[in-house]
């Protein structure tokens, strides 16, 4: 059942098959400081708080192999980003600021505060890692540890991207096109998009439950939120990252860097070369034996690295 306590305003669809993958977790829909956006999440366990953030086009369901085991040692919060899953999907503003990583990070800080956590550890994959990276910069007093899974920092990637990489990762620029070009082209083709993206970037190891969840959540509203996320990356996040980098602002908390050996993210980039320019206290670089979705393609290795890092 969905928990609507502590200011949550509504419920999300009942999903017994997904509930079964998160035993002992409560599902909640919590408001943020943006009245247009509530965040869907699951919380379970006890002890120090860990926030887990998913990537595109996933939802918090991607953590189902990891979260229940971490909950034996931590309070684990698995949240849907705004625009994704069962979180709200507000219409993008003309300047796209309501889908910037700063705004998406603030959403998660807000719900962690609502849950009673003034400080916490965070791990993010893909778009969730970019959100967590911004969170660690904007809220250093709150983020105790930061684990990045499967990204090169946005500033580095956009400055150094070659056309060959851009051709492979065309979705960055397709979804960033002005409203409503990508929305209209994918209208009625949402399931095709999900299946095609996973076939291109993954190893086909999604369960029937999680694949069904990603297809269910890929609505026209989701496509719009996702497009706004990418529009904001180019128009809002990159200039913000440039200003911070030029000012010498770096992530200072203990940081763990993980990437997948078969992933497109390492095509023409090196996490070991890039990340020391953005974080001052890197505790390890680790290659994962999988493609772009480690939580479901290499869950044991991913869990072991995160558990050791959060326990340290």
Foldseek 3Di string as FASTA:
>chain_A
DADAPLARDDDDDDDVVLCVLQPQWHWYWADAPPNQKTKIKIKAAADAEEEEEEAPPFALSLQSLFVNVVSPHHTYIRIGFALHFPIDQDFADPLLVCQELLNRLRNVCRVCVSVPAQAHEYEYAHSGLQSVQVNLLVPVVHHQEYEYEAAFHLQVCVVPPDVVLCVLVVVLVQLLDDPPVVLVVCAVVQLVVLVVVCVSFFDPQDDPSRNVSSSVGRHSSSSSSVSSNSNCSVRPVNVVVVVCLVVVGAREHEYEYEYEPAESNPVVHDNVVRRVSHYPHYPYYYYAHTTRSCCRGVVVVVNVVVSVVVVD
